[in-house]
């Protein structure tokens, strides 16, 4: 990671994480609004991102070379989709399987697209 440092992380990573969390939170609130409370939706999004975002940026590159970008991104987004859907499913009540998957897919699509537009390098 290049750029100014912020603790052990770069400012760019912090910005990417903040944008990702904001976008995914908005999508989750919209999709899960009928399935669970705002508090549960926020909790689900926070936990899902706390697990997947650092895992994809720091652990996955140890397994799959980030240089193999198309393969890396497909694996990373698939992991995020599944893990976040499981978190949403675990926290939302009643158990809305289709809403959990829709929230995860919509949130990941929106944050991935925003990331490509805002952080092209």
N, C-alpha and C. Protein backbone atom coordinates (compact mmCIF):
# COMPACT_ATOMS: atom_id res chain seq x y z
N UNK A 1 0.83 -1.17 0.00
CA UNK A 1 0.00 0.00 0.00
C UNK A 1 0.88 1.23 0.00
N UNK A 2 0.64 2.09 -0.95
CA UNK A 2 1.44 3.29 -1.01
C UNK A 2 0.68 4.44 -0.37
N UNK A 3 1.35 5.55 -0.21
CA UNK A 3 0.69 6.72 0.34
C UNK A 3 1.03 6.92 1.80
N UNK A 4 0.42 7.92 2.36
CA UNK A 4 0.64 8.26 3.76
C UNK A 4 0.16 7.13 4.66
N UNK A 5 0.81 6.99 5.78
CA UNK A 5 0.41 5.92 6.68
C UNK A 5 -0.53 6.44 7.75
N UNK A 6 -1.35 5.56 8.23
CA UNK A 6 -2.28 5.83 9.31
C UNK A 6 -2.15 4.63 10.23
N UNK A 7 -1.33 4.76 11.25
CA UNK A 7 -1.00 3.60 12.07
C UNK A 7 -0.25 2.63 11.17
N UNK A 8 -0.69 1.39 11.12
CA UNK A 8 -0.02 0.40 10.27
C UNK A 8 -0.70 0.33 8.90
N UNK A 9 -1.75 1.11 8.68
CA UNK A 9 -2.49 1.08 7.42
C UNK A 9 -2.29 2.39 6.67
N UNK A 10 -2.49 2.35 5.37
CA UNK A 10 -2.42 3.57 4.58
C UNK A 10 -3.74 4.32 4.63
N UNK A 11 -3.67 5.62 4.39
CA UNK A 11 -4.90 6.42 4.34
C UNK A 11 -5.83 5.90 3.25
N UNK A 12 -5.26 5.41 2.16
CA UNK A 12 -6.08 4.91 1.07
C UNK A 12 -6.92 3.72 1.53
N UNK A 13 -6.34 2.81 2.29
CA UNK A 13 -7.12 1.67 2.79
C UNK A 13 -8.24 2.16 3.70
N UNK A 14 -7.93 3.12 4.57
CA UNK A 14 -8.96 3.65 5.47
C UNK A 14 -10.09 4.29 4.67
N UNK A 15 -9.75 5.02 3.62
CA UNK A 15 -10.77 5.65 2.78
C UNK A 15 -11.60 4.61 2.06
N UNK A 16 -10.95 3.59 1.53
CA UNK A 16 -11.67 2.52 0.83
C UNK A 16 -12.62 1.81 1.80
N UNK A 17 -12.13 1.50 2.99
CA UNK A 17 -12.97 0.82 3.98
C UNK A 17 -14.16 1.69 4.37
N UNK A 18 -13.93 2.98 4.58
CA UNK A 18 -15.01 3.89 4.97
C UNK A 18 -16.09 3.99 3.88
N UNK A 19 -15.66 4.13 2.63
CA UNK A 19 -16.61 4.20 1.51
C UNK A 19 -17.37 2.89 1.41
N UNK A 20 -16.66 1.78 1.50
CA UNK A 20 -17.28 0.46 1.43
C UNK A 20 -18.32 0.29 2.53
N UNK A 21 -17.97 0.62 3.74
CA UNK A 21 -18.88 0.46 4.87
C UNK A 21 -20.10 1.36 4.72
N UNK A 22 -19.90 2.59 4.30
CA UNK A 22 -21.02 3.52 4.13
C UNK A 22 -22.00 3.02 3.08
N UNK A 23 -21.49 2.63 1.93
CA UNK A 23 -22.35 2.16 0.85
C UNK A 23 -23.07 0.88 1.23
N UNK A 24 -22.34 -0.07 1.78
CA UNK A 24 -22.96 -1.35 2.15
C UNK A 24 -23.99 -1.16 3.27
N UNK A 25 -23.75 -0.24 4.17
CA UNK A 25 -24.71 0.03 5.24
C UNK A 25 -26.01 0.58 4.67
N UNK A 26 -25.91 1.52 3.75
CA UNK A 26 -27.11 2.09 3.13
C UNK A 26 -27.91 1.00 2.40
N UNK A 27 -27.22 0.19 1.62
CA UNK A 27 -27.93 -0.88 0.88
C UNK A 27 -28.57 -1.86 1.85
N UNK A 28 -27.85 -2.26 2.89
CA UNK A 28 -28.40 -3.21 3.87
C UNK A 28 -29.62 -2.63 4.56
N UNK A 29 -29.55 -1.37 4.95
CA UNK A 29 -30.70 -0.75 5.60
C UNK A 29 -31.92 -0.76 4.68
N UNK A 30 -31.71 -0.49 3.41
CA UNK A 30 -32.82 -0.47 2.47
C UNK A 30 -33.40 -1.86 2.23
N UNK A 31 -32.53 -2.84 2.04
CA UNK A 31 -33.00 -4.20 1.71
C UNK A 31 -33.55 -4.93 2.93
N UNK A 32 -32.90 -4.76 4.07
CA UNK A 32 -33.31 -5.52 5.26
C UNK A 32 -34.33 -4.79 6.14
N UNK A 33 -34.82 -3.63 5.70
CA UNK A 33 -35.69 -2.81 6.55
C UNK A 33 -36.95 -3.53 7.03
N UNK A 34 -37.47 -4.45 6.23
CA UNK A 34 -38.67 -5.17 6.65
C UNK A 34 -38.35 -6.46 7.40
N UNK A 35 -37.10 -6.89 7.33
CA UNK A 35 -36.71 -8.15 7.95
C UNK A 35 -36.21 -7.97 9.38
N UNK A 36 -35.67 -6.81 9.68
CA UNK A 36 -35.12 -6.61 11.03
C UNK A 36 -35.03 -5.11 11.33
N UNK A 37 -34.72 -4.82 12.57
CA UNK A 37 -34.63 -3.43 13.01
C UNK A 37 -33.40 -2.76 12.41
N UNK A 38 -33.38 -1.44 12.49
CA UNK A 38 -32.23 -0.68 12.02
C UNK A 38 -30.99 -1.09 12.81
N UNK A 39 -31.14 -1.26 14.11
CA UNK A 39 -30.01 -1.66 14.95
C UNK A 39 -29.42 -3.00 14.50
N UNK A 40 -30.29 -3.97 14.22
CA UNK A 40 -29.80 -5.28 13.75
C UNK A 40 -29.16 -5.17 12.37
N UNK A 41 -29.72 -4.35 11.49
CA UNK A 41 -29.14 -4.16 10.16
C UNK A 41 -27.75 -3.54 10.26
N UNK A 42 -27.62 -2.52 11.12
CA UNK A 42 -26.31 -1.88 11.30
C UNK A 42 -25.30 -2.85 11.89
N UNK A 43 -25.74 -3.64 12.85
CA UNK A 43 -24.87 -4.65 13.47
C UNK A 43 -24.42 -5.67 12.43
N UNK A 44 -25.35 -6.15 11.62
CA UNK A 44 -25.02 -7.14 10.60
C UNK A 44 -24.01 -6.58 9.60
N UNK A 45 -24.22 -5.36 9.17
CA UNK A 45 -23.31 -4.76 8.20
C UNK A 45 -21.92 -4.54 8.81
N UNK A 46 -21.89 -4.06 10.04
CA UNK A 46 -20.60 -3.83 10.71
C UNK A 46 -19.83 -5.13 10.88
N UNK A 47 -20.50 -6.17 11.33
CA UNK A 47 -19.83 -7.46 11.53
C UNK A 47 -19.38 -8.04 10.19
N UNK A 48 -20.27 -8.01 9.21
CA UNK A 48 -19.92 -8.54 7.89
C UNK A 48 -18.70 -7.86 7.30
N UNK A 49 -18.65 -6.53 7.39
CA UNK A 49 -17.51 -5.80 6.84
C UNK A 49 -16.25 -5.97 7.68
N UNK A 50 -16.42 -6.07 8.99
CA UNK A 50 -15.26 -6.27 9.87
C UNK A 50 -14.57 -7.59 9.58
N UNK A 51 -15.33 -8.57 9.11
CA UNK A 51 -14.77 -9.88 8.78
C UNK A 51 -14.23 -9.91 7.35
N UNK A 52 -15.05 -9.49 6.41
CA UNK A 52 -14.67 -9.69 5.00
C UNK A 52 -13.64 -8.68 4.48
N UNK A 53 -13.79 -7.42 4.81
CA UNK A 53 -12.90 -6.42 4.21
C UNK A 53 -11.43 -6.63 4.57
N UNK A 54 -11.08 -6.71 5.85
CA UNK A 54 -9.67 -7.00 6.18
C UNK A 54 -9.21 -8.37 5.68
N UNK A 55 -10.10 -9.35 5.74
CA UNK A 55 -9.73 -10.69 5.27
C UNK A 55 -9.37 -10.69 3.80
N UNK A 56 -10.14 -9.96 3.01
CA UNK A 56 -9.89 -9.91 1.57
C UNK A 56 -8.65 -9.10 1.24
N UNK A 57 -8.42 -8.03 2.00
CA UNK A 57 -7.27 -7.17 1.70
C UNK A 57 -5.96 -7.67 2.29
N UNK A 58 -6.00 -8.44 3.37
CA UNK A 58 -4.76 -8.85 4.03
C UNK A 58 -4.52 -10.36 4.03
N UNK A 59 -5.56 -11.17 4.17
CA UNK A 59 -5.36 -12.62 4.23
C UNK A 59 -5.44 -13.28 2.86
N UNK A 60 -6.42 -12.92 2.06
CA UNK A 60 -6.57 -13.55 0.75
C UNK A 60 -5.34 -13.39 -0.14
N UNK A 61 -4.66 -12.24 -0.15
CA UNK A 61 -3.45 -12.13 -0.97
C UNK A 61 -2.34 -13.11 -0.58
N UNK A 62 -2.40 -13.66 0.63
CA UNK A 62 -1.43 -14.67 1.03
C UNK A 62 -1.71 -16.01 0.34
N UNK A 63 -2.97 -16.19 -0.10
CA UNK A 63 -3.38 -17.44 -0.73
C UNK A 63 -3.42 -17.31 -2.25
N UNK A 64 -4.01 -16.23 -2.72
CA UNK A 64 -4.16 -15.98 -4.16
C UNK A 64 -3.42 -14.70 -4.48
N UNK A 65 -2.58 -14.75 -5.48
CA UNK A 65 -1.81 -13.57 -5.85
C UNK A 65 -2.74 -12.46 -6.33
N UNK A 66 -2.60 -11.28 -5.72
CA UNK A 66 -3.41 -10.13 -6.14
C UNK A 66 -3.04 -9.70 -7.55
N UNK A 67 -1.87 -10.14 -8.03
CA UNK A 67 -1.47 -9.81 -9.40
C UNK A 67 -2.37 -10.50 -10.42
N UNK A 68 -2.94 -11.63 -10.02
CA UNK A 68 -3.88 -12.33 -10.90
C UNK A 68 -5.25 -11.72 -10.67
N UNK A 69 -5.39 -10.45 -11.08
CA UNK A 69 -6.54 -9.63 -10.72
C UNK A 69 -7.89 -10.25 -11.05
N UNK A 70 -8.14 -10.72 -12.25
CA UNK A 70 -9.48 -11.25 -12.49
C UNK A 70 -9.84 -12.41 -11.56
N UNK A 71 -8.93 -13.34 -11.38
CA UNK A 71 -9.19 -14.48 -10.49
C UNK A 71 -9.34 -14.01 -9.05
N UNK A 72 -8.46 -13.11 -8.62
CA UNK A 72 -8.49 -12.61 -7.26
C UNK A 72 -9.82 -11.93 -6.95
N UNK A 73 -10.28 -11.08 -7.85
CA UNK A 73 -11.50 -10.31 -7.60
C UNK A 73 -12.72 -11.22 -7.59
N UNK A 74 -12.76 -12.22 -8.44
CA UNK A 74 -13.89 -13.17 -8.45
C UNK A 74 -13.92 -13.94 -7.13
N UNK A 75 -12.77 -14.41 -6.69
CA UNK A 75 -12.70 -15.14 -5.42
C UNK A 75 -13.07 -14.22 -4.25
N UNK A 76 -12.50 -13.03 -4.23
CA UNK A 76 -12.75 -12.09 -3.13
C UNK A 76 -14.22 -11.71 -3.03
N UNK A 77 -14.83 -11.36 -4.14
CA UNK A 77 -16.24 -10.95 -4.12
C UNK A 77 -17.16 -12.13 -3.81
N UNK A 78 -16.79 -13.32 -4.23
CA UNK A 78 -17.59 -14.51 -3.90
C UNK A 78 -17.55 -14.78 -2.41
N UNK A 79 -16.38 -14.67 -1.82
CA UNK A 79 -16.23 -14.85 -0.37
C UNK A 79 -17.05 -13.80 0.37
N UNK A 80 -16.94 -12.54 -0.05
CA UNK A 80 -17.68 -11.46 0.61
C UNK A 80 -19.19 -11.70 0.50
N UNK A 81 -19.65 -12.10 -0.67
CA UNK A 81 -21.07 -12.35 -0.88
C UNK A 81 -21.58 -13.43 0.07
N UNK A 82 -20.88 -14.54 0.15
CA UNK A 82 -21.31 -15.67 0.98
C UNK A 82 -21.22 -15.34 2.47
N UNK A 83 -20.08 -14.80 2.90
CA UNK A 83 -19.89 -14.53 4.33
C UNK A 83 -20.88 -13.46 4.81
N UNK A 84 -21.02 -12.39 4.05
CA UNK A 84 -21.93 -11.33 4.49
C UNK A 84 -23.38 -11.80 4.46
N UNK A 85 -23.77 -12.60 3.47
CA UNK A 85 -25.13 -13.13 3.45
C UNK A 85 -25.39 -14.01 4.67
N UNK A 86 -24.39 -14.81 5.06
CA UNK A 86 -24.54 -15.65 6.26
C UNK A 86 -24.66 -14.80 7.53
N UNK A 87 -23.89 -13.71 7.60
CA UNK A 87 -23.98 -12.83 8.76
C UNK A 87 -25.36 -12.18 8.80
N UNK A 88 -25.83 -11.67 7.67
CA UNK A 88 -27.16 -11.04 7.63
C UNK A 88 -28.24 -12.05 8.01
N UNK A 89 -28.10 -13.26 7.52
CA UNK A 89 -29.07 -14.31 7.83
C UNK A 89 -29.07 -14.64 9.32
N UNK A 90 -27.88 -14.65 9.92
CA UNK A 90 -27.77 -14.98 11.34
C UNK A 90 -28.36 -13.88 12.23
N UNK A 91 -28.27 -12.64 11.80
CA UNK A 91 -28.70 -11.53 12.64
C UNK A 91 -30.14 -11.10 12.38
N UNK A 92 -30.59 -11.17 11.14
CA UNK A 92 -31.94 -10.74 10.81
C UNK A 92 -32.96 -11.78 11.30
N UNK A 93 -34.08 -11.29 11.79
CA UNK A 93 -35.17 -12.18 12.18
C UNK A 93 -36.47 -11.64 11.65
N UNK A 94 -37.38 -12.42 11.12
CA UNK A 94 -37.22 -13.84 10.88
C UNK A 94 -36.16 -14.09 9.81
N UNK A 95 -35.81 -15.31 9.61
CA UNK A 95 -34.71 -15.66 8.70
C UNK A 95 -35.10 -15.46 7.23
N UNK A 96 -34.78 -14.32 6.65
CA UNK A 96 -35.14 -14.05 5.25
C UNK A 96 -34.00 -14.43 4.31
N UNK A 97 -33.94 -15.68 3.91
CA UNK A 97 -32.82 -16.15 3.09
C UNK A 97 -32.63 -15.30 1.83
N UNK A 98 -33.71 -15.05 1.13
CA UNK A 98 -33.57 -14.28 -0.12
C UNK A 98 -33.18 -12.83 0.15
N UNK A 99 -33.68 -12.25 1.23
CA UNK A 99 -33.30 -10.88 1.57
C UNK A 99 -31.84 -10.80 1.98
N UNK A 100 -31.37 -11.78 2.72
CA UNK A 100 -29.96 -11.79 3.14
C UNK A 100 -29.05 -11.86 1.93
N UNK A 101 -29.38 -12.72 0.98
CA UNK A 101 -28.57 -12.83 -0.23
C UNK A 101 -28.68 -11.57 -1.08
N UNK A 102 -29.88 -11.02 -1.19
CA UNK A 102 -30.08 -9.79 -1.96
C UNK A 102 -29.32 -8.63 -1.34
N UNK A 103 -29.36 -8.52 -0.02
CA UNK A 103 -28.64 -7.44 0.66
C UNK A 103 -27.14 -7.56 0.43
N UNK A 104 -26.64 -8.77 0.56
CA UNK A 104 -25.21 -8.99 0.36
C UNK A 104 -24.80 -8.70 -1.09
N UNK A 105 -25.57 -9.21 -2.03
CA UNK A 105 -25.24 -9.01 -3.44
C UNK A 105 -25.33 -7.53 -3.82
N UNK A 106 -26.40 -6.88 -3.41
CA UNK A 106 -26.55 -5.46 -3.73
C UNK A 106 -25.49 -4.60 -3.08
N UNK A 107 -25.19 -4.89 -1.83
CA UNK A 107 -24.18 -4.12 -1.11
C UNK A 107 -22.80 -4.30 -1.74
N UNK A 108 -22.45 -5.53 -2.08
CA UNK A 108 -21.14 -5.78 -2.68
C UNK A 108 -21.04 -5.20 -4.08
N UNK A 109 -22.09 -5.28 -4.85
CA UNK A 109 -22.08 -4.69 -6.19
C UNK A 109 -21.92 -3.17 -6.11
N UNK A 110 -22.67 -2.54 -5.23
CA UNK A 110 -22.60 -1.08 -5.10
C UNK A 110 -21.23 -0.63 -4.60
N UNK A 111 -20.69 -1.30 -3.58
CA UNK A 111 -19.40 -0.88 -3.04
C UNK A 111 -18.25 -1.19 -4.00
N UNK A 112 -18.34 -2.31 -4.71
CA UNK A 112 -17.31 -2.65 -5.69
C UNK A 112 -17.30 -1.63 -6.83
N UNK A 113 -18.47 -1.28 -7.33
CA UNK A 113 -18.56 -0.28 -8.41
C UNK A 113 -18.03 1.07 -7.95
N UNK A 114 -18.42 1.48 -6.75
CA UNK A 114 -17.92 2.75 -6.20
C UNK A 114 -16.40 2.71 -6.05
N UNK A 115 -15.89 1.57 -5.59
CA UNK A 115 -14.44 1.44 -5.43
C UNK A 115 -13.70 1.58 -6.75
N UNK A 116 -14.24 0.99 -7.80
CA UNK A 116 -13.61 1.11 -9.11
C UNK A 116 -13.63 2.54 -9.61
N UNK A 117 -14.71 3.26 -9.33
CA UNK A 117 -14.82 4.65 -9.78
C UNK A 117 -13.99 5.61 -8.95
N UNK A 118 -13.97 5.41 -7.64
CA UNK A 118 -13.27 6.34 -6.74
C UNK A 118 -11.79 6.02 -6.56
N UNK A 119 -11.42 4.74 -6.66
CA UNK A 119 -10.05 4.32 -6.42
C UNK A 119 -9.57 3.46 -7.58
N UNK A 120 -9.38 4.06 -8.76
CA UNK A 120 -9.08 3.25 -9.96
C UNK A 120 -7.74 2.54 -9.96
N UNK A 121 -6.80 2.96 -9.17
CA UNK A 121 -5.48 2.31 -9.22
C UNK A 121 -5.39 1.13 -8.31
